[in-house]
């Protein structure tokens, strides 16, 4: 028995289930806990989970499942890898702010002794500066500035944060004390992305709002 997970855009769930039936035989839809379960004739099963960590309790059909998708009022995406980051703020389905950035972080070296130690310190400083830049923009977009900083109320902290990239790098950025509120609402699928660029961020936003489908053969 093998298991794998795929992300399916919500507007393609019905077509995906049709294709699933075409590959594996007649499909029966039922509810299993908070998921929609598709059981095919050949024994293959697909468990569909709502995006945004939602629990499904509707009728066992694709139309009801799709209609149950409700994006949070305010949510965000944070992608971080060494030398690059991307952050987006969304209100419902609308992208209201984003930022991508790159910082140079040197690769590894084969040098030894003091040269290796100097290189490691320099590389560590570069990575720290990259993470600090990412944290600054994440705070601005995901938490918002205080009334004292802006002279008027700023945006409220996001209700859900979907992350991706390098786990250690994301943890380093979210260790910033000002990001404690958004670090506490991390959820959704982990997004395995390359170096964050605008196109990567756009795809990550789509993936974050997709149904999580676990296939069991």
N, C-alpha and C. Protein backbone atom coordinates (compact mmCIF):
# COMPACT_ATOMS: atom_id res chain seq x y z
N UNK A 1 0.85 -1.20 0.00
CA UNK A 1 0.00 0.00 0.00
C UNK A 1 0.89 1.24 0.00
N UNK A 2 0.61 2.17 -0.90
CA UNK A 2 1.38 3.40 -0.98
C UNK A 2 0.45 4.59 -0.82
N UNK A 3 1.02 5.70 -0.36
CA UNK A 3 0.23 6.90 -0.11
C UNK A 3 0.98 8.12 -0.61
N UNK A 4 0.29 9.02 -1.27
CA UNK A 4 0.89 10.27 -1.72
C UNK A 4 -0.15 11.37 -1.66
N UNK A 5 0.33 12.60 -1.63
CA UNK A 5 -0.56 13.74 -1.49
C UNK A 5 -0.38 14.70 -2.66
N UNK A 6 -1.50 15.19 -3.19
CA UNK A 6 -1.47 16.17 -4.27
C UNK A 6 -2.37 17.34 -3.90
N UNK A 7 -2.11 18.49 -4.51
CA UNK A 7 -2.94 19.67 -4.31
C UNK A 7 -3.79 19.88 -5.56
N UNK A 8 -5.09 20.03 -5.37
CA UNK A 8 -6.02 20.19 -6.49
C UNK A 8 -6.76 21.51 -6.32
N UNK A 9 -6.63 22.45 -7.28
CA UNK A 9 -7.40 23.69 -7.20
C UNK A 9 -8.88 23.40 -7.01
N UNK A 10 -9.52 24.17 -6.18
CA UNK A 10 -10.91 23.88 -5.80
C UNK A 10 -11.83 23.84 -7.01
N UNK A 11 -11.62 24.73 -7.98
CA UNK A 11 -12.51 24.75 -9.15
C UNK A 11 -12.28 23.56 -10.08
N UNK A 12 -11.29 22.72 -9.76
CA UNK A 12 -11.03 21.54 -10.59
C UNK A 12 -11.35 20.23 -9.86
N UNK A 13 -11.91 20.34 -8.67
CA UNK A 13 -12.17 19.13 -7.89
C UNK A 13 -13.13 18.19 -8.60
N UNK A 14 -14.23 18.73 -9.16
CA UNK A 14 -15.21 17.89 -9.84
C UNK A 14 -14.57 17.15 -11.01
N UNK A 15 -13.80 17.86 -11.82
CA UNK A 15 -13.14 17.22 -12.97
C UNK A 15 -12.10 16.20 -12.48
N UNK A 16 -11.41 16.53 -11.40
CA UNK A 16 -10.40 15.59 -10.87
C UNK A 16 -11.07 14.28 -10.45
N UNK A 17 -12.22 14.37 -9.80
CA UNK A 17 -12.93 13.16 -9.37
C UNK A 17 -13.42 12.35 -10.57
N UNK A 18 -13.86 13.05 -11.63
CA UNK A 18 -14.25 12.35 -12.85
C UNK A 18 -13.07 11.57 -13.43
N UNK A 19 -11.92 12.22 -13.49
CA UNK A 19 -10.73 11.56 -14.02
C UNK A 19 -10.28 10.42 -13.11
N UNK A 20 -10.44 10.61 -11.80
CA UNK A 20 -10.10 9.56 -10.83
C UNK A 20 -10.95 8.31 -11.10
N UNK A 21 -12.24 8.52 -11.36
CA UNK A 21 -13.12 7.41 -11.69
C UNK A 21 -12.76 6.76 -13.01
N UNK A 22 -12.32 7.57 -13.98
CA UNK A 22 -11.92 7.02 -15.26
C UNK A 22 -10.70 6.13 -15.16
N UNK A 23 -9.82 6.44 -14.22
CA UNK A 23 -8.60 5.65 -14.05
C UNK A 23 -8.82 4.42 -13.18
N UNK A 24 -9.72 4.53 -12.19
CA UNK A 24 -9.81 3.47 -11.17
C UNK A 24 -11.17 2.79 -11.08
N UNK A 25 -12.12 3.17 -11.92
CA UNK A 25 -13.43 2.52 -11.88
C UNK A 25 -14.44 3.35 -11.09
N UNK A 26 -15.66 2.84 -11.00
CA UNK A 26 -16.76 3.56 -10.35
C UNK A 26 -16.35 4.06 -8.96
N UNK A 27 -16.77 5.30 -8.66
CA UNK A 27 -16.38 5.96 -7.41
C UNK A 27 -17.59 6.17 -6.52
N UNK A 28 -17.43 5.86 -5.26
CA UNK A 28 -18.46 6.13 -4.25
C UNK A 28 -17.94 7.20 -3.31
N UNK A 29 -18.71 8.27 -3.12
CA UNK A 29 -18.33 9.39 -2.25
C UNK A 29 -19.05 9.27 -0.91
N UNK A 30 -18.28 9.38 0.17
CA UNK A 30 -18.83 9.34 1.52
C UNK A 30 -18.07 10.36 2.37
N UNK A 31 -18.53 10.54 3.58
CA UNK A 31 -17.80 11.37 4.53
C UNK A 31 -17.00 10.48 5.46
N UNK A 32 -15.78 10.88 5.74
CA UNK A 32 -14.95 10.17 6.72
C UNK A 32 -14.34 11.22 7.63
N UNK A 33 -14.90 11.36 8.82
CA UNK A 33 -14.45 12.41 9.73
C UNK A 33 -14.78 13.77 9.14
N UNK A 34 -13.74 14.59 8.91
CA UNK A 34 -13.93 15.93 8.36
C UNK A 34 -13.47 15.99 6.90
N UNK A 35 -13.40 14.82 6.24
CA UNK A 35 -12.92 14.75 4.87
C UNK A 35 -13.96 14.12 3.96
N UNK A 36 -13.85 14.42 2.65
CA UNK A 36 -14.65 13.75 1.64
C UNK A 36 -13.84 12.56 1.14
N UNK A 37 -14.42 11.37 1.22
CA UNK A 37 -13.70 10.16 0.83
C UNK A 37 -14.25 9.63 -0.48
N UNK A 38 -13.33 9.42 -1.44
CA UNK A 38 -13.68 8.83 -2.73
C UNK A 38 -13.09 7.42 -2.78
N UNK A 39 -13.96 6.42 -2.86
CA UNK A 39 -13.53 5.01 -2.90
C UNK A 39 -13.80 4.46 -4.29
N UNK A 40 -12.74 4.04 -4.98
CA UNK A 40 -12.88 3.56 -6.35
C UNK A 40 -13.06 2.05 -6.40
N UNK A 41 -13.53 1.58 -7.53
CA UNK A 41 -13.83 0.17 -7.73
C UNK A 41 -12.60 -0.72 -7.55
N UNK A 42 -11.42 -0.23 -7.94
CA UNK A 42 -10.22 -1.06 -7.84
C UNK A 42 -9.56 -1.00 -6.46
N UNK A 43 -10.20 -0.34 -5.51
CA UNK A 43 -9.66 -0.27 -4.15
C UNK A 43 -8.88 0.99 -3.84
N UNK A 44 -8.60 1.80 -4.85
CA UNK A 44 -7.88 3.05 -4.62
C UNK A 44 -8.80 4.04 -3.89
N UNK A 45 -8.24 4.75 -2.93
CA UNK A 45 -9.02 5.71 -2.15
C UNK A 45 -8.38 7.09 -2.23
N UNK A 46 -9.22 8.12 -2.20
CA UNK A 46 -8.74 9.49 -2.18
C UNK A 46 -9.48 10.23 -1.07
N UNK A 47 -8.73 10.82 -0.15
CA UNK A 47 -9.32 11.61 0.94
C UNK A 47 -9.10 13.09 0.61
N UNK A 48 -10.18 13.84 0.50
CA UNK A 48 -10.11 15.25 0.13
C UNK A 48 -10.33 16.11 1.37
N UNK A 49 -9.38 17.00 1.61
CA UNK A 49 -9.45 17.91 2.77
C UNK A 49 -9.61 19.33 2.26
N UNK A 50 -10.51 20.08 2.88
CA UNK A 50 -10.69 21.48 2.50
C UNK A 50 -9.41 22.28 2.70
N UNK A 51 -9.18 23.29 1.86
CA UNK A 51 -8.04 24.18 2.11
C UNK A 51 -8.26 25.02 3.36
N UNK A 52 -7.22 25.71 3.77
CA UNK A 52 -7.27 26.61 4.93
C UNK A 52 -7.61 25.86 6.21
N UNK A 53 -7.18 24.58 6.28
CA UNK A 53 -7.37 23.75 7.47
C UNK A 53 -8.84 23.64 7.86
N UNK A 54 -9.73 23.69 6.87
CA UNK A 54 -11.15 23.63 7.15
C UNK A 54 -11.65 22.20 7.37
N UNK A 55 -12.69 22.06 8.16
CA UNK A 55 -13.34 20.76 8.39
C UNK A 55 -14.58 20.69 7.52
N UNK A 56 -14.75 19.56 6.82
CA UNK A 56 -15.91 19.41 5.94
C UNK A 56 -16.99 18.57 6.61
N UNK A 57 -18.23 19.08 6.58
CA UNK A 57 -19.34 18.35 7.18
C UNK A 57 -20.58 18.42 6.31
N UNK A 58 -20.37 18.63 4.98
CA UNK A 58 -21.51 18.75 4.08
C UNK A 58 -21.89 17.45 3.42
N UNK A 59 -22.65 17.55 2.34
CA UNK A 59 -23.09 16.38 1.60
C UNK A 59 -21.90 15.75 0.87
N UNK A 60 -21.94 14.44 0.65
CA UNK A 60 -20.83 13.75 -0.02
C UNK A 60 -20.89 13.90 -1.54
N UNK A 61 -20.67 15.12 -2.03
CA UNK A 61 -20.60 15.34 -3.48
C UNK A 61 -19.65 16.50 -3.76
N UNK A 62 -19.14 16.55 -4.97
CA UNK A 62 -18.11 17.53 -5.33
C UNK A 62 -18.62 18.96 -5.24
N UNK A 63 -19.87 19.19 -5.68
CA UNK A 63 -20.40 20.56 -5.68
C UNK A 63 -20.50 21.12 -4.26
N UNK A 64 -20.98 20.30 -3.33
CA UNK A 64 -21.10 20.77 -1.94
C UNK A 64 -19.72 20.99 -1.33
N UNK A 65 -18.78 20.11 -1.65
CA UNK A 65 -17.42 20.27 -1.14
C UNK A 65 -16.82 21.59 -1.62
N UNK A 66 -16.96 21.86 -2.91
CA UNK A 66 -16.40 23.10 -3.47
C UNK A 66 -17.07 24.33 -2.85
N UNK A 67 -18.38 24.26 -2.66
CA UNK A 67 -19.10 25.40 -2.11
C UNK A 67 -18.74 25.68 -0.66
N UNK A 68 -18.18 24.68 0.02
CA UNK A 68 -17.84 24.83 1.44
C UNK A 68 -16.53 25.57 1.66
N UNK A 69 -15.80 25.85 0.58
CA UNK A 69 -14.50 26.53 0.73
C UNK A 69 -14.73 28.00 1.05
N UNK A 70 -14.23 28.43 2.20
CA UNK A 70 -14.35 29.83 2.62
C UNK A 70 -12.98 30.32 3.05
N UNK A 71 -12.33 31.16 2.23
CA UNK A 71 -11.01 31.67 2.63
C UNK A 71 -11.12 32.52 3.89
N UNK A 72 -10.09 32.50 4.72
CA UNK A 72 -10.11 33.37 5.91
C UNK A 72 -10.22 34.84 5.52
N UNK A 73 -10.74 35.64 6.43
CA UNK A 73 -10.86 37.08 6.16
C UNK A 73 -9.50 37.69 5.89
N UNK A 74 -8.48 37.21 6.60
CA UNK A 74 -7.10 37.69 6.39
C UNK A 74 -6.16 36.52 6.59
N UNK A 75 -5.34 36.24 5.59
CA UNK A 75 -4.40 35.14 5.69
C UNK A 75 -3.15 35.47 4.88
N UNK A 76 -2.12 34.67 5.07
CA UNK A 76 -0.87 35.00 4.40
C UNK A 76 -0.08 33.79 3.96
N UNK A 77 0.90 34.05 3.12
CA UNK A 77 1.85 33.04 2.65
C UNK A 77 3.26 33.57 2.89
N UNK A 78 4.11 32.73 3.46
CA UNK A 78 5.51 33.10 3.71
C UNK A 78 6.41 32.00 3.16
N UNK A 79 7.29 32.37 2.24
CA UNK A 79 8.26 31.45 1.65
C UNK A 79 9.66 31.97 1.94
N UNK A 80 10.52 31.12 2.44
CA UNK A 80 11.88 31.55 2.76
C UNK A 80 12.87 30.45 2.39
N UNK A 81 13.93 30.85 1.71
CA UNK A 81 15.09 30.01 1.51
C UNK A 81 16.31 30.91 1.73
N UNK A 82 17.48 30.32 1.92
CA UNK A 82 18.67 31.14 2.13
C UNK A 82 18.85 32.09 0.94
N UNK A 83 18.85 33.36 1.23
CA UNK A 83 19.08 34.35 0.18
C UNK A 83 17.82 34.85 -0.49
N UNK A 84 16.66 34.30 -0.18
CA UNK A 84 15.45 34.77 -0.84
C UNK A 84 14.22 34.57 0.01
N UNK A 85 13.22 35.43 -0.18
CA UNK A 85 11.97 35.30 0.57
C UNK A 85 10.84 35.87 -0.27
N UNK A 86 9.63 35.48 0.07
CA UNK A 86 8.42 36.04 -0.53
C UNK A 86 7.32 35.99 0.50
N UNK A 87 6.54 37.05 0.55
CA UNK A 87 5.46 37.11 1.54
C UNK A 87 4.25 37.75 0.87
N UNK A 88 3.06 37.24 1.17
CA UNK A 88 1.83 37.79 0.59
C UNK A 88 0.76 37.86 1.67
N UNK A 89 -0.07 38.88 1.56
CA UNK A 89 -1.23 39.02 2.43
C UNK A 89 -2.48 38.98 1.56
N UNK A 90 -3.45 38.18 1.97
CA UNK A 90 -4.70 38.08 1.24
C UNK A 90 -5.87 38.34 2.17
N UNK A 91 -6.91 38.93 1.62
CA UNK A 91 -8.16 39.13 2.34
C UNK A 91 -9.23 38.41 1.54
N UNK A 92 -9.67 37.26 2.07
CA UNK A 92 -10.52 36.38 1.28
C UNK A 92 -9.71 35.84 0.12
N UNK A 93 -10.23 36.00 -1.09
CA UNK A 93 -9.52 35.52 -2.28
C UNK A 93 -8.68 36.61 -2.94
N UNK A 94 -8.65 37.81 -2.35
CA UNK A 94 -7.97 38.94 -2.98
C UNK A 94 -6.56 39.15 -2.40
N UNK A 95 -5.58 39.23 -3.28
CA UNK A 95 -4.22 39.56 -2.89
C UNK A 95 -4.14 41.06 -2.66
N UNK A 96 -3.82 41.47 -1.43
CA UNK A 96 -3.81 42.90 -1.11
C UNK A 96 -2.42 43.45 -0.88
N UNK A 97 -1.42 42.58 -0.81
CA UNK A 97 -0.05 43.06 -0.62
C UNK A 97 0.93 41.92 -0.74
N UNK A 98 2.11 42.21 -1.29
CA UNK A 98 3.13 41.17 -1.41
C UNK A 98 4.50 41.80 -1.53
N UNK A 99 5.51 40.98 -1.27
CA UNK A 99 6.89 41.43 -1.39
C UNK A 99 7.78 40.22 -1.62
N UNK A 100 8.67 40.31 -2.59
CA UNK A 100 9.71 39.31 -2.78
C UNK A 100 11.05 40.00 -2.66
N UNK A 101 12.04 39.29 -2.20
CA UNK A 101 13.36 39.88 -2.04
C UNK A 101 14.46 38.84 -2.07
N UNK A 102 15.65 39.28 -2.41
CA UNK A 102 16.80 38.39 -2.46
C UNK A 102 17.96 39.04 -1.72
N UNK A 103 18.73 38.22 -1.02
CA UNK A 103 19.95 38.65 -0.36
C UNK A 103 21.03 37.64 -0.69
N UNK A 104 22.21 38.11 -0.97
CA UNK A 104 23.30 37.20 -1.33
C UNK A 104 23.80 36.45 -0.10
N UNK A 105 23.77 35.12 -0.18
CA UNK A 105 24.35 34.26 0.86
C UNK A 105 25.30 33.31 0.15
N UNK A 106 26.59 33.37 0.51
CA UNK A 106 27.59 32.56 -0.16
C UNK A 106 27.34 31.07 0.03
N UNK A 107 27.76 30.29 -0.97
CA UNK A 107 27.68 28.85 -0.86
C UNK A 107 28.77 28.32 0.04
N UNK A 108 28.85 27.01 0.14
CA UNK A 108 29.85 26.39 1.01
C UNK A 108 31.24 26.46 0.38
N UNK A 109 32.27 26.34 1.21
CA UNK A 109 33.65 26.34 0.73
C UNK A 109 34.38 25.12 1.25
N UNK A 110 35.42 24.71 0.52
CA UNK A 110 36.23 23.56 0.94
C UNK A 110 37.45 23.99 1.74
N UNK A 111 37.60 25.29 1.92
CA UNK A 111 38.75 25.78 2.68
C UNK A 111 38.66 25.32 4.13
N UNK A 112 39.79 25.22 4.81
CA UNK A 112 39.81 24.78 6.19
C UNK A 112 40.45 25.82 7.10
N UNK A 113 40.61 25.47 8.38
CA UNK A 113 41.29 26.33 9.34
C UNK A 113 40.58 27.65 9.55
N UNK A 114 41.39 28.70 9.72
CA UNK A 114 40.83 30.02 10.00
C UNK A 114 40.01 30.56 8.83
N UNK A 115 40.42 30.19 7.60
CA UNK A 115 39.66 30.63 6.43
C UNK A 115 38.24 30.09 6.49
N UNK A 116 38.12 28.85 6.89
CA UNK A 116 36.80 28.24 7.01
C UNK A 116 35.97 28.93 8.09
N UNK A 117 36.61 29.27 9.20
CA UNK A 117 35.90 29.94 10.29
C UNK A 117 35.43 31.33 9.87
N UNK A 118 36.31 32.08 9.15
CA UNK A 118 35.91 33.42 8.68
C UNK A 118 34.77 33.31 7.68
N UNK A 119 34.87 32.32 6.81
CA UNK A 119 33.81 32.12 5.82
C UNK A 119 32.48 31.79 6.50
N UNK A 120 32.54 30.91 7.49
CA UNK A 120 31.32 30.51 8.20
C UNK A 120 30.67 31.71 8.89
N UNK A 121 31.51 32.57 9.49
CA UNK A 121 30.97 33.76 10.15
C UNK A 121 30.32 34.70 9.12
N UNK A 122 31.02 34.89 8.00
CA UNK A 122 30.50 35.79 6.97
C UNK A 122 29.18 35.24 6.40
N UNK A 123 29.16 33.94 6.15
CA UNK A 123 27.95 33.32 5.61
C UNK A 123 26.80 33.40 6.62
N UNK A 124 27.11 33.21 7.90
CA UNK A 124 26.10 33.32 8.94
C UNK A 124 25.53 34.72 9.02
N UNK A 125 26.40 35.74 8.90
CA UNK A 125 25.95 37.12 8.94
C UNK A 125 25.05 37.43 7.74
N UNK A 126 25.42 36.92 6.57
CA UNK A 126 24.61 37.15 5.38
C UNK A 126 23.23 36.52 5.52
N UNK A 127 23.19 35.29 6.04
CA UNK A 127 21.91 34.62 6.23
C UNK A 127 21.06 35.37 7.25
N UNK A 128 21.68 35.85 8.33
CA UNK A 128 20.94 36.58 9.35
C UNK A 128 20.34 37.86 8.76
N UNK A 129 21.11 38.56 7.95
CA UNK A 129 20.59 39.79 7.33
C UNK A 129 19.42 39.48 6.38
N UNK A 130 19.54 38.36 5.69
CA UNK A 130 18.44 37.95 4.79
C UNK A 130 17.18 37.66 5.59
N UNK A 131 17.33 36.95 6.70
CA UNK A 131 16.17 36.61 7.53
C UNK A 131 15.58 37.86 8.18
N UNK A 132 16.42 38.79 8.57
CA UNK A 132 15.93 40.03 9.17
C UNK A 132 15.10 40.83 8.16
N UNK A 133 15.56 40.86 6.91
CA UNK A 133 14.80 41.55 5.87
C UNK A 133 13.46 40.87 5.65
N UNK A 134 13.45 39.54 5.62
CA UNK A 134 12.21 38.79 5.44
C UNK A 134 11.26 39.06 6.61
N UNK A 135 11.79 39.08 7.83
CA UNK A 135 10.96 39.31 9.01
C UNK A 135 10.36 40.71 9.00
N UNK A 136 11.12 41.69 8.54
CA UNK A 136 10.62 43.06 8.49
C UNK A 136 9.41 43.16 7.56
N UNK A 137 9.51 42.58 6.39
CA UNK A 137 8.39 42.65 5.44
C UNK A 137 7.23 41.77 5.90
N UNK A 138 7.54 40.63 6.52
CA UNK A 138 6.47 39.79 7.06
C UNK A 138 5.69 40.53 8.14
N UNK A 139 6.40 41.26 8.97
CA UNK A 139 5.71 42.04 10.02
C UNK A 139 4.82 43.10 9.39
N UNK A 140 5.34 43.81 8.41
CA UNK A 140 4.56 44.88 7.77
C UNK A 140 3.29 44.36 7.12
N UNK A 141 3.39 43.21 6.44
CA UNK A 141 2.26 42.71 5.68
C UNK A 141 1.32 41.81 6.49
N UNK A 142 1.89 41.01 7.37
CA UNK A 142 1.09 39.99 8.05
C UNK A 142 0.59 40.42 9.42
N UNK A 143 1.34 41.30 10.07
CA UNK A 143 0.94 41.77 11.40
C UNK A 143 0.36 43.16 11.31
N UNK A 144 1.05 44.04 10.57
CA UNK A 144 0.60 45.42 10.46
C UNK A 144 1.25 46.30 11.49
N UNK A 145 1.33 47.57 11.19
CA UNK A 145 1.92 48.52 12.11
C UNK A 145 0.89 48.97 13.14
N UNK A 146 1.40 49.38 14.26
CA UNK A 146 0.50 49.83 15.33
C UNK A 146 -0.03 51.22 15.01
N UNK A 147 -1.13 51.64 15.64
CA UNK A 147 -1.65 52.99 15.43
C UNK A 147 -0.62 54.06 15.74
N UNK A 148 0.25 53.82 16.73
CA UNK A 148 1.26 54.81 17.08
C UNK A 148 2.26 55.01 15.95
N UNK A 149 2.50 53.94 15.18
CA UNK A 149 3.46 54.03 14.08
C UNK A 149 2.86 54.71 12.85
N UNK A 150 1.55 54.48 12.63
CA UNK A 150 0.93 55.00 11.42
C UNK A 150 0.04 56.21 11.66
N UNK A 151 -0.34 56.43 12.89
CA UNK A 151 -1.27 57.51 13.17
C UNK A 151 -2.72 57.09 13.02
N UNK A 152 -2.93 55.87 12.57
CA UNK A 152 -4.28 55.31 12.44
C UNK A 152 -4.16 53.80 12.50
N UNK A 153 -5.25 53.09 12.80
CA UNK A 153 -5.17 51.64 12.93
C UNK A 153 -4.67 50.99 11.64
N UNK A 154 -3.79 50.04 11.79
CA UNK A 154 -3.26 49.30 10.64
C UNK A 154 -4.02 48.01 10.45
N UNK A 155 -3.60 47.18 9.50
CA UNK A 155 -4.27 45.90 9.26
C UNK A 155 -4.12 44.98 10.46
N UNK A 156 -5.08 44.10 10.63
CA UNK A 156 -5.03 43.16 11.74
C UNK A 156 -4.14 41.98 11.37
N UNK A 157 -3.59 41.26 12.35
CA UNK A 157 -2.78 40.08 12.05
C UNK A 157 -3.59 39.04 11.29
N UNK A 158 -2.93 38.29 10.44
CA UNK A 158 -3.61 37.26 9.67
C UNK A 158 -4.11 36.14 10.58
N UNK A 159 -5.15 35.45 10.13
CA UNK A 159 -5.74 34.35 10.89
C UNK A 159 -5.08 33.02 10.58
N UNK A 160 -4.40 32.94 9.43
CA UNK A 160 -3.76 31.70 9.00
C UNK A 160 -2.53 32.06 8.19
N UNK A 161 -1.44 31.32 8.43
CA UNK A 161 -0.20 31.53 7.68
C UNK A 161 0.25 30.21 7.09
N UNK A 162 0.35 30.15 5.76
CA UNK A 162 0.85 28.97 5.06
C UNK A 162 2.31 29.23 4.68
N UNK A 163 3.17 28.30 5.01
CA UNK A 163 4.61 28.52 4.83
C UNK A 163 5.21 27.51 3.85
N UNK A 164 6.40 27.84 3.35
CA UNK A 164 7.10 26.93 2.46
C UNK A 164 8.53 27.36 2.24
N UNK A 165 9.29 26.50 1.56
CA UNK A 165 10.69 26.77 1.30
C UNK A 165 11.58 25.86 2.12
N UNK A 166 12.47 26.46 2.88
CA UNK A 166 13.37 25.73 3.78
C UNK A 166 12.85 25.87 5.20
N UNK A 167 12.60 24.74 5.86
CA UNK A 167 11.96 24.78 7.19
C UNK A 167 12.80 25.55 8.20
N UNK A 168 14.11 25.32 8.21
CA UNK A 168 14.97 26.02 9.17
C UNK A 168 14.96 27.52 8.91
N UNK A 169 14.92 27.92 7.63
CA UNK A 169 14.91 29.34 7.29
C UNK A 169 13.59 29.99 7.72
N UNK A 170 12.47 29.29 7.49
CA UNK A 170 11.17 29.81 7.92
C UNK A 170 11.13 29.95 9.44
N UNK A 171 11.64 28.94 10.15
CA UNK A 171 11.67 28.99 11.61
C UNK A 171 12.50 30.18 12.10
N UNK A 172 13.61 30.44 11.40
CA UNK A 172 14.48 31.56 11.80
C UNK A 172 13.76 32.89 11.64
N UNK A 173 13.01 33.04 10.57
CA UNK A 173 12.27 34.29 10.35
C UNK A 173 11.16 34.44 11.39
N UNK A 174 10.41 33.37 11.64
CA UNK A 174 9.29 33.45 12.57
C UNK A 174 9.72 33.49 14.03
N UNK A 175 11.03 33.33 14.28
CA UNK A 175 11.54 33.48 15.65
C UNK A 175 11.57 34.94 16.07
N UNK A 176 11.43 35.85 15.13
CA UNK A 176 11.36 37.28 15.44
C UNK A 176 10.18 37.53 16.38
N UNK A 177 10.43 38.13 17.55
CA UNK A 177 9.36 38.31 18.54
C UNK A 177 8.12 39.03 18.00
N UNK A 178 8.30 39.96 17.08
CA UNK A 178 7.15 40.70 16.55
C UNK A 178 6.24 39.81 15.70
N UNK A 179 6.73 38.63 15.31
CA UNK A 179 5.94 37.72 14.49
C UNK A 179 5.30 36.60 15.31
N UNK A 180 5.32 36.74 16.61
CA UNK A 180 4.79 35.68 17.47
C UNK A 180 3.32 35.38 17.15
N UNK A 181 2.54 36.41 16.86
CA UNK A 181 1.10 36.21 16.60
C UNK A 181 0.87 35.40 15.34
N UNK A 182 1.65 35.64 14.29
CA UNK A 182 1.44 34.89 13.05
C UNK A 182 2.11 33.52 13.11
N UNK A 183 3.20 33.41 13.87
CA UNK A 183 3.84 32.10 14.02
C UNK A 183 2.88 31.12 14.69
N UNK A 184 1.99 31.64 15.52
CA UNK A 184 1.04 30.79 16.25
C UNK A 184 -0.10 30.28 15.38
N UNK A 185 -0.27 30.85 14.18
CA UNK A 185 -1.40 30.44 13.33
C UNK A 185 -0.90 29.76 12.04
N UNK A 186 0.30 29.19 12.08
CA UNK A 186 0.79 28.43 10.94
C UNK A 186 -0.12 27.23 10.69
N UNK A 187 -0.43 26.98 9.43
CA UNK A 187 -1.30 25.85 9.12
C UNK A 187 -1.31 25.59 7.62
N UNK A 188 -2.17 24.66 7.20
CA UNK A 188 -2.24 24.31 5.79
C UNK A 188 -1.08 23.44 5.37
N UNK A 189 -0.96 23.16 4.07
CA UNK A 189 0.13 22.29 3.60
C UNK A 189 1.47 23.00 3.64
N UNK A 190 2.54 22.23 3.84
CA UNK A 190 3.88 22.79 3.67
C UNK A 190 4.17 22.86 2.17
N UNK A 191 4.60 24.04 1.69
CA UNK A 191 4.81 24.25 0.27
C UNK A 191 6.29 24.07 -0.07
N UNK A 192 6.58 23.05 -0.84
CA UNK A 192 7.96 22.76 -1.24
C UNK A 192 8.26 23.55 -2.50
N UNK A 193 8.96 24.69 -2.35
CA UNK A 193 9.16 25.61 -3.46
C UNK A 193 10.64 25.85 -3.71
N UNK A 194 11.01 26.25 -4.93
CA UNK A 194 12.39 26.67 -5.21
C UNK A 194 12.64 28.07 -4.67
N UNK A 195 13.75 28.68 -5.04
CA UNK A 195 14.04 30.04 -4.58
C UNK A 195 12.85 30.95 -4.88
N UNK A 196 12.34 31.64 -3.87
CA UNK A 196 11.13 32.44 -4.06
C UNK A 196 11.32 33.60 -5.04
N UNK A 197 10.50 33.61 -6.06
CA UNK A 197 10.38 34.73 -6.99
C UNK A 197 8.89 35.04 -7.12
N UNK A 198 8.55 36.06 -7.90
CA UNK A 198 7.14 36.45 -7.99
C UNK A 198 6.30 35.31 -8.54
N UNK A 199 6.78 34.63 -9.59
CA UNK A 199 6.00 33.53 -10.17
C UNK A 199 5.84 32.39 -9.17
N UNK A 200 6.87 32.15 -8.36
CA UNK A 200 6.81 31.10 -7.34
C UNK A 200 5.78 31.48 -6.28
N UNK A 201 5.76 32.74 -5.88
CA UNK A 201 4.79 33.21 -4.89
C UNK A 201 3.37 33.09 -5.43
N UNK A 202 3.15 33.47 -6.68
CA UNK A 202 1.81 33.37 -7.26
C UNK A 202 1.31 31.93 -7.24
N UNK A 203 2.18 30.99 -7.60
CA UNK A 203 1.79 29.58 -7.59
C UNK A 203 1.54 29.10 -6.17
N UNK A 204 2.36 29.58 -5.22
CA UNK A 204 2.19 29.17 -3.83
C UNK A 204 0.85 29.63 -3.27
N UNK A 205 0.41 30.82 -3.65
CA UNK A 205 -0.91 31.31 -3.21
C UNK A 205 -2.01 30.39 -3.74
N UNK A 206 -1.89 29.97 -5.02
CA UNK A 206 -2.87 29.05 -5.59
C UNK A 206 -2.85 27.71 -4.86
N UNK A 207 -1.65 27.21 -4.57
CA UNK A 207 -1.52 25.92 -3.89
C UNK A 207 -2.09 25.99 -2.48
N UNK A 208 -1.87 27.11 -1.80
CA UNK A 208 -2.37 27.27 -0.42
C UNK A 208 -3.89 27.21 -0.37
N UNK A 209 -4.55 27.63 -1.46
CA UNK A 209 -6.01 27.60 -1.51
C UNK A 209 -6.57 26.37 -2.20
N UNK A 210 -5.75 25.35 -2.42
CA UNK A 210 -6.18 24.13 -3.10
C UNK A 210 -6.59 23.05 -2.10
N UNK A 211 -7.43 22.14 -2.57
CA UNK A 211 -7.82 21.01 -1.75
C UNK A 211 -6.63 20.07 -1.61
N UNK A 212 -6.47 19.51 -0.41
CA UNK A 212 -5.39 18.57 -0.13
C UNK A 212 -5.95 17.16 -0.33
N UNK A 213 -5.42 16.44 -1.30
CA UNK A 213 -5.93 15.11 -1.65
C UNK A 213 -4.88 14.06 -1.34
N UNK A 214 -5.21 13.13 -0.48
CA UNK A 214 -4.31 12.03 -0.12
C UNK A 214 -4.79 10.77 -0.82
N UNK A 215 -3.93 10.24 -1.69
CA UNK A 215 -4.26 9.03 -2.45
C UNK A 215 -3.65 7.80 -1.82
N UNK A 216 -4.43 6.75 -1.68
CA UNK A 216 -3.95 5.48 -1.16
C UNK A 216 -4.24 4.38 -2.17
N UNK A 217 -3.19 3.76 -2.68
CA UNK A 217 -3.35 2.69 -3.68
C UNK A 217 -3.41 1.32 -3.00
